[in-house]
Amino acid sequence: MNIAANLKAIEQIKSEILTEVANLYRTLADYDEIADYGAVESSVSTIVAMDYILAKHLGITHGTLDARICELLSIAEENGHTLESEFSDMSELRRYIKGRA
């Protein structure tokens, strides 16, 4: 792959992620008044997708990224992260990621 083109792509992806995070924050600021929650789903989905694409351009495969995410989720579970102890978010996401592999 052309290094210059890859660097340009990385900068574009970073910009898109930041723009979408800003959009999400704006949407969440008025969350109680949102009639259509599709904007939240769209922003979060775009951020996750662009993170995977960024990882690819940084030389990280989707499988490696998933494995590392699962590893970090396991550590958070073991350390009693609040989102795990109160909602089981970490273990639920880890099982989901492992199930799609």
N, C-alpha and C. Protein backbone atom coordinates (compact mmCIF):
# COMPACT_ATOMS: atom_id res chain seq x y z
N MET A 1 0.85 -1.18 0.00
CA MET A 1 0.00 0.00 0.00
C MET A 1 0.89 1.24 0.00
N ASN A 2 0.47 2.24 -0.69
CA ASN A 2 1.18 3.50 -0.76
C ASN A 2 1.15 4.16 0.63
N ILE A 3 2.33 4.44 1.19
CA ILE A 3 2.44 4.99 2.54
C ILE A 3 1.75 6.35 2.64
N ALA A 4 1.97 7.21 1.65
CA ALA A 4 1.35 8.54 1.68
C ALA A 4 -0.17 8.45 1.64
N ALA A 5 -0.68 7.56 0.81
CA ALA A 5 -2.13 7.39 0.72
C ALA A 5 -2.69 6.84 2.04
N ASN A 6 -1.95 5.92 2.65
CA ASN A 6 -2.38 5.35 3.92
C ASN A 6 -2.40 6.42 5.02
N LEU A 7 -1.36 7.26 5.06
CA LEU A 7 -1.32 8.33 6.05
C LEU A 7 -2.48 9.31 5.85
N LYS A 8 -2.79 9.60 4.61
CA LYS A 8 -3.91 10.49 4.30
C LYS A 8 -5.22 9.85 4.76
N ALA A 9 -5.36 8.56 4.52
CA ALA A 9 -6.56 7.84 4.94
C ALA A 9 -6.69 7.86 6.46
N ILE A 10 -5.58 7.66 7.17
CA ILE A 10 -5.60 7.68 8.63
C ILE A 10 -6.08 9.04 9.14
N GLU A 11 -5.57 10.11 8.55
CA GLU A 11 -5.99 11.46 8.96
C GLU A 11 -7.47 11.67 8.69
N GLN A 12 -7.95 11.19 7.55
CA GLN A 12 -9.37 11.33 7.21
C GLN A 12 -10.23 10.55 8.21
N ILE A 13 -9.81 9.34 8.54
CA ILE A 13 -10.56 8.50 9.47
C ILE A 13 -10.61 9.16 10.85
N LYS A 14 -9.46 9.67 11.31
CA LYS A 14 -9.42 10.35 12.61
C LYS A 14 -10.38 11.53 12.63
N SER A 15 -10.40 12.28 11.55
CA SER A 15 -11.30 13.43 11.44
C SER A 15 -12.76 13.00 11.49
N GLU A 16 -13.08 11.92 10.78
CA GLU A 16 -14.46 11.43 10.77
C GLU A 16 -14.88 10.94 12.15
N ILE A 17 -13.97 10.28 12.86
CA ILE A 17 -14.28 9.81 14.22
C ILE A 17 -14.56 11.00 15.13
N LEU A 18 -13.69 12.01 15.09
CA LEU A 18 -13.88 13.18 15.95
C LEU A 18 -15.17 13.92 15.61
N THR A 19 -15.47 14.04 14.33
CA THR A 19 -16.71 14.70 13.91
C THR A 19 -17.92 13.94 14.44
N GLU A 20 -17.87 12.63 14.34
CA GLU A 20 -19.01 11.82 14.79
C GLU A 20 -19.14 11.84 16.30
N VAL A 21 -18.02 11.87 17.03
CA VAL A 21 -18.08 11.99 18.49
C VAL A 21 -18.73 13.32 18.86
N ALA A 22 -18.36 14.39 18.17
CA ALA A 22 -18.97 15.70 18.42
C ALA A 22 -20.47 15.66 18.13
N ASN A 23 -20.85 15.01 17.03
CA ASN A 23 -22.28 14.87 16.70
C ASN A 23 -23.02 14.11 17.80
N LEU A 24 -22.40 13.05 18.30
CA LEU A 24 -23.01 12.25 19.36
C LEU A 24 -23.19 13.09 20.62
N TYR A 25 -22.17 13.85 21.00
CA TYR A 25 -22.27 14.69 22.19
C TYR A 25 -23.39 15.72 22.03
N ARG A 26 -23.50 16.33 20.86
CA ARG A 26 -24.57 17.29 20.61
C ARG A 26 -25.94 16.62 20.73
N THR A 27 -26.04 15.44 20.16
CA THR A 27 -27.31 14.70 20.22
C THR A 27 -27.65 14.34 21.66
N LEU A 28 -26.66 13.87 22.41
CA LEU A 28 -26.91 13.46 23.79
C LEU A 28 -27.23 14.65 24.69
N ALA A 29 -26.74 15.83 24.33
CA ALA A 29 -27.05 17.02 25.12
C ALA A 29 -28.55 17.30 25.13
N ASP A 30 -29.23 16.93 24.06
CA ASP A 30 -30.68 17.12 23.95
C ASP A 30 -31.41 15.79 23.95
N TYR A 31 -30.82 14.77 24.58
CA TYR A 31 -31.33 13.41 24.49
C TYR A 31 -32.78 13.28 24.92
N ASP A 32 -33.19 14.00 25.97
CA ASP A 32 -34.57 13.89 26.45
C ASP A 32 -35.58 14.39 25.43
N GLU A 33 -35.12 15.23 24.53
CA GLU A 33 -36.04 15.83 23.57
C GLU A 33 -35.99 15.15 22.20
N ILE A 34 -35.16 14.12 22.06
CA ILE A 34 -35.00 13.47 20.77
C ILE A 34 -36.23 12.60 20.49
N ALA A 35 -36.85 12.86 19.37
CA ALA A 35 -38.01 12.06 18.98
C ALA A 35 -37.57 10.77 18.29
N ASP A 36 -36.47 10.84 17.56
CA ASP A 36 -35.96 9.69 16.82
C ASP A 36 -34.57 9.35 17.34
N TYR A 37 -34.45 8.23 18.03
CA TYR A 37 -33.17 7.83 18.61
C TYR A 37 -32.22 7.24 17.58
N GLY A 38 -32.64 7.24 16.32
CA GLY A 38 -31.79 6.74 15.24
C GLY A 38 -30.50 7.51 15.11
N ALA A 39 -30.51 8.79 15.47
CA ALA A 39 -29.29 9.61 15.39
C ALA A 39 -28.22 9.09 16.34
N VAL A 40 -28.64 8.64 17.52
CA VAL A 40 -27.69 8.09 18.49
C VAL A 40 -27.12 6.78 17.95
N GLU A 41 -27.98 5.90 17.48
CA GLU A 41 -27.54 4.62 16.91
C GLU A 41 -26.59 4.85 15.75
N SER A 42 -26.92 5.79 14.90
CA SER A 42 -26.08 6.08 13.74
C SER A 42 -24.70 6.58 14.15
N SER A 43 -24.66 7.50 15.11
CA SER A 43 -23.37 8.03 15.56
C SER A 43 -22.50 6.95 16.20
N VAL A 44 -23.09 6.19 17.10
CA VAL A 44 -22.32 5.13 17.78
C VAL A 44 -21.84 4.10 16.77
N SER A 45 -22.69 3.71 15.84
CA SER A 45 -22.32 2.73 14.81
C SER A 45 -21.18 3.24 13.94
N THR A 46 -21.27 4.50 13.56
CA THR A 46 -20.22 5.10 12.73
C THR A 46 -18.89 5.13 13.48
N ILE A 47 -18.92 5.50 14.76
CA ILE A 47 -17.69 5.56 15.56
C ILE A 47 -17.05 4.18 15.65
N VAL A 48 -17.85 3.16 15.95
CA VAL A 48 -17.31 1.80 16.06
C VAL A 48 -16.74 1.33 14.73
N ALA A 49 -17.48 1.54 13.65
CA ALA A 49 -17.02 1.11 12.32
C ALA A 49 -15.72 1.82 11.94
N MET A 50 -15.67 3.12 12.16
CA MET A 50 -14.46 3.87 11.79
C MET A 50 -13.27 3.48 12.66
N ASP A 51 -13.52 3.08 13.91
CA ASP A 51 -12.43 2.59 14.76
C ASP A 51 -11.83 1.31 14.19
N TYR A 52 -12.68 0.42 13.71
CA TYR A 52 -12.18 -0.81 13.09
C TYR A 52 -11.40 -0.50 11.81
N ILE A 53 -11.89 0.45 11.03
CA ILE A 53 -11.19 0.82 9.80
C ILE A 53 -9.86 1.49 10.12
N LEU A 54 -9.84 2.33 11.14
CA LEU A 54 -8.59 2.96 11.57
C LEU A 54 -7.58 1.90 11.99
N ALA A 55 -8.03 0.94 12.78
CA ALA A 55 -7.14 -0.14 13.22
C ALA A 55 -6.53 -0.86 12.03
N LYS A 56 -7.34 -1.14 11.01
CA LYS A 56 -6.84 -1.81 9.80
C LYS A 56 -5.72 -1.00 9.16
N HIS A 57 -5.91 0.31 9.06
CA HIS A 57 -4.90 1.17 8.44
C HIS A 57 -3.65 1.32 9.32
N LEU A 58 -3.79 0.97 10.59
CA LEU A 58 -2.64 0.99 11.50
C LEU A 58 -1.97 -0.39 11.59
N GLY A 59 -2.47 -1.34 10.79
CA GLY A 59 -1.87 -2.66 10.75
C GLY A 59 -2.43 -3.65 11.75
N ILE A 60 -3.58 -3.35 12.31
CA ILE A 60 -4.22 -4.22 13.30
C ILE A 60 -5.41 -4.91 12.63
N THR A 61 -5.40 -6.23 12.61
CA THR A 61 -6.52 -6.95 11.99
C THR A 61 -7.75 -6.87 12.88
N HIS A 62 -8.91 -7.10 12.26
CA HIS A 62 -10.15 -7.09 13.03
C HIS A 62 -10.12 -8.16 14.12
N GLY A 63 -9.58 -9.32 13.78
CA GLY A 63 -9.49 -10.41 14.76
C GLY A 63 -8.59 -10.05 15.93
N THR A 64 -7.46 -9.41 15.64
CA THR A 64 -6.55 -8.98 16.70
C THR A 64 -7.22 -7.93 17.58
N LEU A 65 -7.93 -7.02 16.95
CA LEU A 65 -8.64 -5.98 17.70
C LEU A 65 -9.70 -6.61 18.60
N ASP A 66 -10.47 -7.53 18.06
CA ASP A 66 -11.49 -8.22 18.87
C ASP A 66 -10.86 -8.95 20.05
N ALA A 67 -9.75 -9.63 19.80
CA ALA A 67 -9.07 -10.37 20.87
C ALA A 67 -8.58 -9.43 21.96
N ARG A 68 -8.03 -8.31 21.56
CA ARG A 68 -7.53 -7.33 22.54
C ARG A 68 -8.68 -6.72 23.32
N ILE A 69 -9.78 -6.43 22.65
CA ILE A 69 -10.96 -5.90 23.34
C ILE A 69 -11.44 -6.91 24.38
N CYS A 70 -11.52 -8.18 24.00
CA CYS A 70 -11.95 -9.23 24.94
C CYS A 70 -11.01 -9.32 26.13
N GLU A 71 -9.72 -9.21 25.86
CA GLU A 71 -8.72 -9.24 26.93
C GLU A 71 -8.94 -8.08 27.91
N LEU A 72 -9.15 -6.89 27.38
CA LEU A 72 -9.38 -5.72 28.23
C LEU A 72 -10.70 -5.82 28.99
N LEU A 73 -11.71 -6.39 28.36
CA LEU A 73 -12.99 -6.59 29.04
C LEU A 73 -12.85 -7.58 30.18
N SER A 74 -12.08 -8.64 29.97
CA SER A 74 -11.84 -9.63 31.03
C SER A 74 -11.13 -9.00 32.22
N ILE A 75 -10.16 -8.16 31.93
CA ILE A 75 -9.44 -7.46 33.00
C ILE A 75 -10.40 -6.56 33.78
N ALA A 76 -11.25 -5.85 33.06
CA ALA A 76 -12.23 -4.97 33.71
C ALA A 76 -13.19 -5.78 34.58
N GLU A 77 -13.59 -6.96 34.09
CA GLU A 77 -14.46 -7.85 34.87
C GLU A 77 -13.77 -8.26 36.16
N GLU A 78 -12.52 -8.71 36.04
CA GLU A 78 -11.76 -9.18 37.20
C GLU A 78 -11.53 -8.07 38.22
N ASN A 79 -11.39 -6.85 37.73
CA ASN A 79 -11.13 -5.72 38.63
C ASN A 79 -12.40 -5.09 39.18
N GLY A 80 -13.54 -5.68 38.86
CA GLY A 80 -14.80 -5.20 39.40
C GLY A 80 -15.23 -3.84 38.90
N HIS A 81 -15.00 -3.60 37.61
CA HIS A 81 -15.42 -2.33 37.00
C HIS A 81 -16.89 -2.09 37.32
N THR A 82 -17.24 -0.85 37.62
CA THR A 82 -18.61 -0.50 37.99
C THR A 82 -19.64 -0.94 36.96
N LEU A 83 -19.32 -0.76 35.68
CA LEU A 83 -20.27 -1.16 34.63
C LEU A 83 -20.47 -2.67 34.61
N GLU A 84 -19.46 -3.40 35.06
CA GLU A 84 -19.61 -4.86 35.14
C GLU A 84 -20.40 -5.25 36.38
N SER A 85 -20.02 -4.71 37.51
CA SER A 85 -20.68 -5.11 38.75
C SER A 85 -22.15 -4.68 38.80
N GLU A 86 -22.47 -3.56 38.18
CA GLU A 86 -23.85 -3.08 38.22
C GLU A 86 -24.71 -3.54 37.04
N PHE A 87 -24.07 -3.73 35.88
CA PHE A 87 -24.86 -4.02 34.68
C PHE A 87 -24.39 -5.24 33.89
N SER A 88 -23.27 -5.83 34.24
CA SER A 88 -22.66 -6.96 33.51
C SER A 88 -22.32 -6.59 32.08
N ASP A 89 -22.03 -5.31 31.83
CA ASP A 89 -21.74 -4.84 30.47
C ASP A 89 -20.49 -5.48 29.88
N MET A 90 -19.44 -5.62 30.68
CA MET A 90 -18.17 -6.13 30.17
C MET A 90 -18.30 -7.59 29.74
N SER A 91 -18.86 -8.41 30.62
CA SER A 91 -18.98 -9.84 30.30
C SER A 91 -19.95 -10.06 29.13
N GLU A 92 -21.01 -9.27 29.08
CA GLU A 92 -21.97 -9.40 27.98
C GLU A 92 -21.31 -9.08 26.64
N LEU A 93 -20.55 -7.99 26.58
CA LEU A 93 -19.88 -7.61 25.34
C LEU A 93 -18.80 -8.64 24.97
N ARG A 94 -18.06 -9.11 25.97
CA ARG A 94 -17.02 -10.11 25.69
C ARG A 94 -17.64 -11.37 25.09
N ARG A 95 -18.74 -11.84 25.66
CA ARG A 95 -19.42 -13.03 25.12
C ARG A 95 -19.91 -12.78 23.70
N TYR A 96 -20.44 -11.59 23.45
CA TYR A 96 -20.92 -11.25 22.11
C TYR A 96 -19.78 -11.30 21.10
N ILE A 97 -18.67 -10.67 21.43
CA ILE A 97 -17.53 -10.63 20.50
C ILE A 97 -17.00 -12.03 20.26
N LYS A 98 -16.86 -12.82 21.31
CA LYS A 98 -16.36 -14.19 21.15
C LYS A 98 -17.34 -15.04 20.34
N GLY A 99 -18.62 -14.79 20.47
CA GLY A 99 -19.63 -15.56 19.75
C GLY A 99 -19.67 -15.29 18.26
N ARG A 100 -19.20 -14.14 17.84
CA ARG A 100 -19.23 -13.83 16.41
C ARG A 100 -17.95 -14.23 15.71
N ALA A 101 -16.97 -14.67 16.46
CA ALA A 101 -15.68 -15.05 15.86
C ALA A 101 -15.77 -16.39 15.17
